[in-house]
């Protein structure tokens, strides 16, 4: 399943995400902190979507109520994980 998720409350604007049989196959963030988001993308690629949600959901960025990792989890929830 492929999703182009529009983020809310973060510097990144979109997350392109592909999940196949519950495993994250591809993640690309648009905008945001390029190096950090490339690192997150590489770390979560190949992981079960449910494990990513378990580890990253609820992370905040400074005083913001969300973060790019948290928005990735929101995208995964929209996909049913």
PDB file of N, CA and C in Angstrom:
ATOM      1  N   UNK A   1       0.849  -1.174   0.000  1.00  0.00           N
ATOM      2  CA  UNK A   1       0.000   0.000   0.000  1.00  0.00           C
ATOM      3  C   UNK A   1       0.894   1.236   0.000  1.00  0.00           C
ATOM      4  N   UNK A   2       0.538   2.214  -0.796  1.00  0.00           N
ATOM      5  CA  UNK A   2       1.275   3.466  -0.920  1.00  0.00           C
ATOM      6  C   UNK A   2       0.420   4.609  -0.384  1.00  0.00           C
ATOM      7  N   UNK A   3       1.070   5.553   0.297  1.00  0.00           N
ATOM      8  CA  UNK A   3       0.368   6.725   0.823  1.00  0.00           C
ATOM      9  C   UNK A   3       1.266   7.941   0.698  1.00  0.00           C
ATOM     10  N   UNK A   4       0.704   9.058   0.249  1.00  0.00           N
ATOM     11  CA  UNK A   4       1.365  10.354   0.314  1.00  0.00           C
ATOM     12  C   UNK A   4       0.623  11.128   1.395  1.00  0.00           C
ATOM     13  N   UNK A   5       1.235  11.227   2.571  1.00  0.00           N
ATOM     14  CA  UNK A   5       0.583  11.793   3.754  1.00  0.00           C
ATOM     15  C   UNK A   5       1.009  13.242   3.930  1.00  0.00           C
ATOM     16  N   UNK A   6       0.038  14.128   4.063  1.00  0.00           N
ATOM     17  CA  UNK A   6       0.296  15.554   4.319  1.00  0.00           C
ATOM     18  C   UNK A   6       0.447  15.738   5.821  1.00  0.00           C
ATOM     19  N   UNK A   7       1.634  16.149   6.250  1.00  0.00           N
ATOM     20  CA  UNK A   7       1.907  16.293   7.683  1.00  0.00           C
ATOM     21  C   UNK A   7       1.251  17.549   8.243  1.00  0.00           C
ATOM     22  N   UNK A   8       1.125  17.567   9.570  1.00  0.00           N
ATOM     23  CA  UNK A   8       0.562  18.722  10.281  1.00  0.00           C
ATOM     24  C   UNK A   8       1.453  19.048  11.468  1.00  0.00           C
ATOM     25  N   UNK A   9       1.829  20.322  11.595  1.00  0.00           N
ATOM     26  CA  UNK A   9       2.570  20.772  12.761  1.00  0.00           C
ATOM     27  C   UNK A   9       4.060  20.488  12.737  1.00  0.00           C
ATOM     28  N   UNK A  10       4.614  20.183  11.550  1.00  0.00           N
ATOM     29  CA  UNK A  10       6.046  19.920  11.449  1.00  0.00           C
ATOM     30  C   UNK A  10       6.655  20.708  10.301  1.00  0.00           C
ATOM     31  N   UNK A  11       7.975  20.740  10.263  1.00  0.00           N
ATOM     32  CA  UNK A  11       8.676  21.426   9.173  1.00  0.00           C
ATOM     33  C   UNK A  11       8.540  20.668   7.863  1.00  0.00           C
ATOM     34  N   UNK A  12       8.489  19.337   7.947  1.00  0.00           N
ATOM     35  CA  UNK A  12       8.273  18.567   6.723  1.00  0.00           C
ATOM     36  C   UNK A  12       6.827  18.773   6.274  1.00  0.00           C
ATOM     37  N   UNK A  13       6.598  18.673   4.970  1.00  0.00           N
ATOM     38  CA  UNK A  13       5.252  18.923   4.455  1.00  0.00           C
ATOM     39  C   UNK A  13       4.517  17.643   4.079  1.00  0.00           C
ATOM     40  N   UNK A  14       5.251  16.624   3.647  1.00  0.00           N
ATOM     41  CA  UNK A  14       4.651  15.366   3.206  1.00  0.00           C
ATOM     42  C   UNK A  14       5.557  14.201   3.578  1.00  0.00           C
ATOM     43  N   UNK A  15       4.934  13.031   3.668  1.00  0.00           N
ATOM     44  CA  UNK A  15       5.674  11.780   3.815  1.00  0.00           C
ATOM     45  C   UNK A  15       5.155  10.824   2.758  1.00  0.00           C
ATOM     46  N   UNK A  16       6.047  10.341   1.911  1.00  0.00           N
ATOM     47  CA  UNK A  16       5.708   9.290   0.961  1.00  0.00           C
ATOM     48  C   UNK A  16       6.067   7.974   1.628  1.00  0.00           C
ATOM     49  N   UNK A  17       5.128   7.034   1.635  1.00  0.00           N
ATOM     50  CA  UNK A  17       5.283   5.827   2.432  1.00  0.00           C
ATOM     51  C   UNK A  17       4.718   4.633   1.688  1.00  0.00           C
ATOM     52  N   UNK A  18       5.483   3.547   1.666  1.00  0.00           N
ATOM     53  CA  UNK A  18       5.004   2.299   1.092  1.00  0.00           C
ATOM     54  C   UNK A  18       5.184   1.191   2.123  1.00  0.00           C
ATOM     55  N   UNK A  19       4.100   0.460   2.382  1.00  0.00           N
ATOM     56  CA  UNK A  19       4.115  -0.663   3.313  1.00  0.00           C
ATOM     57  C   UNK A  19       3.574  -1.886   2.571  1.00  0.00           C
ATOM     58  N   UNK A  20       4.319  -2.985   2.629  1.00  0.00           N
ATOM     59  CA  UNK A  20       3.931  -4.235   1.975  1.00  0.00           C
ATOM     60  C   UNK A  20       3.920  -5.333   3.030  1.00  0.00           C
ATOM     61  N   UNK A  21       2.777  -5.979   3.199  1.00  0.00           N
ATOM     62  CA  UNK A  21       2.621  -7.059   4.184  1.00  0.00           C
ATOM     63  C   UNK A  21       3.081  -6.645   5.577  1.00  0.00           C
ATOM     64  N   UNK A  22       2.764  -5.401   5.946  1.00  0.00           N
ATOM     65  CA  UNK A  22       3.075  -4.914   7.282  1.00  0.00           C
ATOM     66  C   UNK A  22       4.506  -4.454   7.479  1.00  0.00           C
ATOM     67  N   UNK A  23       5.326  -4.504   6.437  1.00  0.00           N
ATOM     68  CA  UNK A  23       6.735  -4.100   6.511  1.00  0.00           C
ATOM     69  C   UNK A  23       6.928  -2.812   5.725  1.00  0.00           C
ATOM     70  N   UNK A  24       7.603  -1.843   6.332  1.00  0.00           N
ATOM     71  CA  UNK A  24       7.865  -0.581   5.650  1.00  0.00           C
ATOM     72  C   UNK A  24       8.918  -0.815   4.576  1.00  0.00           C
ATOM     73  N   UNK A  25       8.582  -0.482   3.341  1.00  0.00           N
ATOM     74  CA  UNK A  25       9.481  -0.687   2.208  1.00  0.00           C
ATOM     75  C   UNK A  25      10.123   0.605   1.724  1.00  0.00           C
ATOM     76  N   UNK A  26       9.448   1.740   1.940  1.00  0.00           N
ATOM     77  CA  UNK A  26       9.955   3.014   1.423  1.00  0.00           C
ATOM     78  C   UNK A  26       9.378   4.155   2.254  1.00  0.00           C
ATOM     79  N   UNK A  27      10.245   5.098   2.635  1.00  0.00           N
ATOM     80  CA  UNK A  27       9.810   6.314   3.327  1.00  0.00           C
ATOM     81  C   UNK A  27      10.628   7.477   2.796  1.00  0.00           C
ATOM     82  N   UNK A  28       9.957   8.544   2.394  1.00  0.00           N
ATOM     83  CA  UNK A  28      10.620   9.786   2.010  1.00  0.00           C
ATOM     84  C   UNK A  28       9.869  10.948   2.646  1.00  0.00           C
ATOM     85  N   UNK A  29      10.591  11.803   3.345  1.00  0.00           N
ATOM     86  CA  UNK A  29      10.024  13.026   3.921  1.00  0.00           C
ATOM     87  C   UNK A  29      10.338  14.178   2.980  1.00  0.00           C
ATOM     88  N   UNK A  30       9.378  15.082   2.786  1.00  0.00           N
ATOM     89  CA  UNK A  30       9.576  16.297   1.997  1.00  0.00           C
ATOM     90  C   UNK A  30       9.728  17.465   2.952  1.00  0.00           C
ATOM     91  N   UNK A  31      10.854  18.178   2.841  1.00  0.00           N
ATOM     92  CA  UNK A  31      11.136  19.292   3.734  1.00  0.00           C
ATOM     93  C   UNK A  31      11.671  18.782   5.063  1.00  0.00           C
ATOM     94  N   UNK A  32      11.793  19.683   6.015  1.00  0.00           N
ATOM     95  CA  UNK A  32      12.278  19.294   7.332  1.00  0.00           C
ATOM     96  C   UNK A  32      13.789  19.201   7.392  1.00  0.00           C
ATOM     97  N   UNK A  33      14.284  18.563   8.431  1.00  0.00           N
ATOM     98  CA  UNK A  33      15.724  18.414   8.684  1.00  0.00           C
ATOM     99  C   UNK A  33      16.257  17.246   7.853  1.00  0.00           C
ATOM    100  N   UNK A  34      16.807  17.552   6.709  1.00  0.00           N
ATOM    101  CA  UNK A  34      17.151  16.555   5.704  1.00  0.00           C
ATOM    102  C   UNK A  34      17.967  15.383   6.251  1.00  0.00           C
ATOM    103  N   UNK A  35      19.050  15.649   6.934  1.00  0.00           N
ATOM    104  CA  UNK A  35      19.904  14.570   7.435  1.00  0.00           C
ATOM    105  C   UNK A  35      19.192  13.677   8.431  1.00  0.00           C
ATOM    106  N   UNK A  36      18.502  14.287   9.386  1.00  0.00           N
ATOM    107  CA  UNK A  36      17.784  13.502  10.387  1.00  0.00           C
ATOM    108  C   UNK A  36      16.679  12.660   9.750  1.00  0.00           C
ATOM    109  N   UNK A  37      15.965  13.233   8.814  1.00  0.00           N
ATOM    110  CA  UNK A  37      14.853  12.504   8.201  1.00  0.00           C
ATOM    111  C   UNK A  37      15.341  11.401   7.264  1.00  0.00           C
ATOM    112  N   UNK A  38      16.495  11.595   6.618  1.00  0.00           N
ATOM    113  CA  UNK A  38      17.086  10.500   5.854  1.00  0.00           C
ATOM    114  C   UNK A  38      17.466   9.362   6.795  1.00  0.00           C
ATOM    115  N   UNK A  39      18.005   9.722   7.965  1.00  0.00           N
ATOM    116  CA  UNK A  39      18.378   8.712   8.949  1.00  0.00           C
ATOM    117  C   UNK A  39      17.179   7.933   9.450  1.00  0.00           C
ATOM    118  N   UNK A  40      16.099   8.625   9.790  1.00  0.00           N
ATOM    119  CA  UNK A  40      14.882   7.953  10.237  1.00  0.00           C
ATOM    120  C   UNK A  40      14.360   7.032   9.136  1.00  0.00           C
ATOM    121  N   UNK A  41      14.349   7.525   7.909  1.00  0.00           N
ATOM    122  CA  UNK A  41      13.863   6.713   6.787  1.00  0.00           C
ATOM    123  C   UNK A  41      14.659   5.428   6.643  1.00  0.00           C
ATOM    124  N   UNK A  42      15.963   5.519   6.719  1.00  0.00           N
ATOM    125  CA  UNK A  42      16.801   4.323   6.587  1.00  0.00           C
ATOM    126  C   UNK A  42      16.633   3.376   7.764  1.00  0.00           C
ATOM    127  N   UNK A  43      16.466   3.927   8.949  1.00  0.00           N
ATOM    128  CA  UNK A  43      16.298   3.069  10.126  1.00  0.00           C
ATOM    129  C   UNK A  43      14.990   2.289  10.101  1.00  0.00           C
ATOM    130  N   UNK A  44      13.915   2.912   9.652  1.00  0.00           N
ATOM    131  CA  UNK A  44      12.615   2.234   9.705  1.00  0.00           C
ATOM    132  C   UNK A  44      12.338   1.360   8.481  1.00  0.00           C
ATOM    133  N   UNK A  45      13.067   1.566   7.389  1.00  0.00           N
ATOM    134  CA  UNK A  45      12.870   0.726   6.206  1.00  0.00           C
ATOM    135  C   UNK A  45      13.240  -0.713   6.552  1.00  0.00           C
ATOM    136  N   UNK A  46      12.309  -1.621   6.274  1.00  0.00           N
ATOM    137  CA  UNK A  46      12.501  -3.026   6.596  1.00  0.00           C
ATOM    138  C   UNK A  46      11.908  -3.441   7.931  1.00  0.00           C
ATOM    139  N   UNK A  47      11.451  -2.471   8.717  1.00  0.00           N
ATOM    140  CA  UNK A  47      10.845  -2.763  10.023  1.00  0.00           C
ATOM    141  C   UNK A  47       9.346  -2.991   9.891  1.00  0.00           C
ATOM    142  N   UNK A  48       8.777  -3.785  10.790  1.00  0.00           N
ATOM    143  CA  UNK A  48       7.319  -3.890  10.845  1.00  0.00           C
ATOM    144  C   UNK A  48       6.709  -2.541  11.203  1.00  0.00           C
ATOM    145  N   UNK A  49       5.643  -2.181  10.519  1.00  0.00           N
ATOM    146  CA  UNK A  49       4.978  -0.897  10.771  1.00  0.00           C
ATOM    147  C   UNK A  49       4.536  -0.774  12.230  1.00  0.00           C
ATOM    148  N   UNK A  50       4.030  -1.851  12.801  1.00  0.00           N
ATOM    149  CA  UNK A  50       3.563  -1.817  14.194  1.00  0.00           C
ATOM    150  C   UNK A  50       4.704  -1.517  15.160  1.00  0.00           C
ATOM    151  N   UNK A  51       5.895  -2.000  14.865  1.00  0.00           N
ATOM    152  CA  UNK A  51       7.063  -1.736  15.722  1.00  0.00           C
ATOM    153  C   UNK A  51       7.485  -0.281  15.630  1.00  0.00           C
ATOM    154  N   UNK A  52       7.404   0.288  14.431  1.00  0.00           N
ATOM    155  CA  UNK A  52       7.736   1.704  14.250  1.00  0.00           C
ATOM    156  C   UNK A  52       6.782   2.563  15.073  1.00  0.00           C
ATOM    157  N   UNK A  53       5.494   2.256  15.019  1.00  0.00           N
ATOM    158  CA  UNK A  53       4.505   2.999  15.799  1.00  0.00           C
ATOM    159  C   UNK A  53       4.819   2.872  17.290  1.00  0.00           C
ATOM    160  N   UNK A  54       5.114   1.685  17.725  1.00  0.00           N
ATOM    161  CA  UNK A  54       5.420   1.439  19.144  1.00  0.00           C
ATOM    162  C   UNK A  54       6.610   2.283  19.615  1.00  0.00           C
ATOM    163  N   UNK A  55       7.611   2.423  18.782  1.00  0.00           N
ATOM    164  CA  UNK A  55       8.834   3.125  19.172  1.00  0.00           C
ATOM    165  C   UNK A  55       8.772   4.642  18.996  1.00  0.00           C
ATOM    166  N   UNK A  56       8.052   5.127  17.981  1.00  0.00           N
ATOM    167  CA  UNK A  56       8.141   6.547  17.615  1.00  0.00           C
ATOM    168  C   UNK A  56       6.920   7.394  17.951  1.00  0.00           C
ATOM    169  N   UNK A  57       5.783   6.765  18.189  1.00  0.00           N
ATOM    170  CA  UNK A  57       4.568   7.555  18.436  1.00  0.00           C
ATOM    171  C   UNK A  57       4.699   8.384  19.700  1.00  0.00           C
ATOM    172  N   UNK A  58       4.280   9.632  19.605  1.00  0.00           N
ATOM    173  CA  UNK A  58       4.270  10.526  20.755  1.00  0.00           C
ATOM    174  C   UNK A  58       5.518  11.368  20.917  1.00  0.00           C
ATOM    175  N   UNK A  59       6.534  11.169  20.076  1.00  0.00           N
ATOM    176  CA  UNK A  59       7.738  11.999  20.155  1.00  0.00           C
ATOM    177  C   UNK A  59       7.357  13.427  19.777  1.00  0.00           C
ATOM    178  N   UNK A  60       7.854  14.369  20.570  1.00  0.00           N
ATOM    179  CA  UNK A  60       7.573  15.777  20.317  1.00  0.00           C
ATOM    180  C   UNK A  60       8.835  16.462  19.821  1.00  0.00           C
ATOM    181  N   UNK A  61       8.661  17.559  19.109  1.00  0.00           N
ATOM    182  CA  UNK A  61       9.776  18.371  18.618  1.00  0.00           C
ATOM    183  C   UNK A  61       9.722  19.721  19.323  1.00  0.00           C
ATOM    184  N   UNK A  62      10.608  19.895  20.286  1.00  0.00           N
ATOM    185  CA  UNK A  62      10.600  21.143  21.062  1.00  0.00           C
ATOM    186  C   UNK A  62       9.274  21.327  21.759  1.00  0.00           C
ATOM    187  N   UNK A  63       8.668  22.492  21.578  1.00  0.00           N
ATOM    188  CA  UNK A  63       7.386  22.776  22.227  1.00  0.00           C
ATOM    189  C   UNK A  63       6.188  22.317  21.389  1.00  0.00           C
ATOM    190  N   UNK A  64       6.445  21.773  20.217  1.00  0.00           N
ATOM    191  CA  UNK A  64       5.361  21.291  19.351  1.00  0.00           C
ATOM    192  C   UNK A  64       4.761  20.019  19.936  1.00  0.00           C
ATOM    193  N   UNK A  65       3.513  19.788  19.671  1.00  0.00           N
ATOM    194  CA  UNK A  65       2.825  18.608  20.177  1.00  0.00           C
ATOM    195  C   UNK A  65       3.095  17.369  19.341  1.00  0.00           C
ATOM    196  N   UNK A  66       3.839  17.513  18.249  1.00  0.00           N
ATOM    197  CA  UNK A  66       4.133  16.403  17.344  1.00  0.00           C
ATOM    198  C   UNK A  66       5.555  16.552  16.824  1.00  0.00           C
ATOM    199  N   UNK A  67       5.959  15.646  15.974  1.00  0.00           N
ATOM    200  CA  UNK A  67       7.285  15.667  15.353  1.00  0.00           C
ATOM    201  C   UNK A  67       7.191  14.900  14.040  1.00  0.00           C
ATOM    202  N   UNK A  68       8.257  14.900  13.269  1.00  0.00           N
ATOM    203  CA  UNK A  68       8.246  14.117  12.031  1.00  0.00           C
ATOM    204  C   UNK A  68       8.097  12.623  12.318  1.00  0.00           C
ATOM    205  N   UNK A  69       8.809  12.054  13.319  1.00  0.00           N
ATOM    206  CA  UNK A  69       8.572  10.645  13.626  1.00  0.00           C
ATOM    207  C   UNK A  69       7.131  10.371  14.063  1.00  0.00           C
ATOM    208  N   UNK A  70       6.555  11.266  14.839  1.00  0.00           N
ATOM    209  CA  UNK A  70       5.168  11.105  15.268  1.00  0.00           C
ATOM    210  C   UNK A  70       4.215  11.199  14.077  1.00  0.00           C
ATOM    211  N   UNK A  71       4.508  12.083  13.140  1.00  0.00           N
ATOM    212  CA  UNK A  71       3.672  12.198  11.944  1.00  0.00           C
ATOM    213  C   UNK A  71       3.781  10.946  11.074  1.00  0.00           C
ATOM    214  N   UNK A  72       4.951  10.319  11.052  1.00  0.00           N
ATOM    215  CA  UNK A  72       5.093   9.040  10.364  1.00  0.00           C
ATOM    216  C   UNK A  72       4.144   8.019  10.983  1.00  0.00           C
ATOM    217  N   UNK A  73       4.044   8.027  12.289  1.00  0.00           N
ATOM    218  CA  UNK A  73       3.113   7.111  12.972  1.00  0.00           C
ATOM    219  C   UNK A  73       1.667   7.435  12.630  1.00  0.00           C
ATOM    220  N   UNK A  74       1.337   8.719  12.506  1.00  0.00           N
ATOM    221  CA  UNK A  74      -0.027   9.091  12.128  1.00  0.00           C
ATOM    222  C   UNK A  74      -0.337   8.585  10.721  1.00  0.00           C
ATOM    223  N   UNK A  75       0.653   8.658   9.828  1.00  0.00           N
ATOM    224  CA  UNK A  75       0.458   8.134   8.470  1.00  0.00           C
ATOM    225  C   UNK A  75       0.240   6.618   8.532  1.00  0.00           C
ATOM    226  N   UNK A  76       1.018   5.933   9.365  1.00  0.00           N
ATOM    227  CA  UNK A  76       0.838   4.475   9.502  1.00  0.00           C
ATOM    228  C   UNK A  76      -0.534   4.131  10.072  1.00  0.00           C
ATOM    229  N   UNK A  77      -1.011   4.942  11.017  1.00  0.00           N
ATOM    230  CA  UNK A  77      -2.374   4.727  11.545  1.00  0.00           C
ATOM    231  C   UNK A  77      -3.408   4.877  10.431  1.00  0.00           C
ATOM    232  N   UNK A  78      -3.205   5.886   9.573  1.00  0.00           N
ATOM    233  CA  UNK A  78      -4.148   6.097   8.465  1.00  0.00           C
ATOM    234  C   UNK A  78      -4.161   4.875   7.543  1.00  0.00           C
ATOM    235  N   UNK A  79      -3.040   4.166   7.488  1.00  0.00           N
ATOM    236  CA  UNK A  79      -2.934   2.963   6.658  1.00  0.00           C
ATOM    237  C   UNK A  79      -3.459   1.719   7.389  1.00  0.00           C
ATOM    238  N   UNK A  80      -3.830   1.884   8.658  1.00  0.00           N
ATOM    239  CA  UNK A  80      -4.394   0.763   9.398  1.00  0.00           C
ATOM    240  C   UNK A  80      -3.447   0.077  10.365  1.00  0.00           C
ATOM    241  N   UNK A  81      -2.302   0.700  10.642  1.00  0.00           N
ATOM    242  CA  UNK A  81      -1.334   0.098  11.583  1.00  0.00           C
ATOM    243  C   UNK A  81      -1.338   0.808  12.905  1.00  0.00           C
TER     244      UNK A  81
END
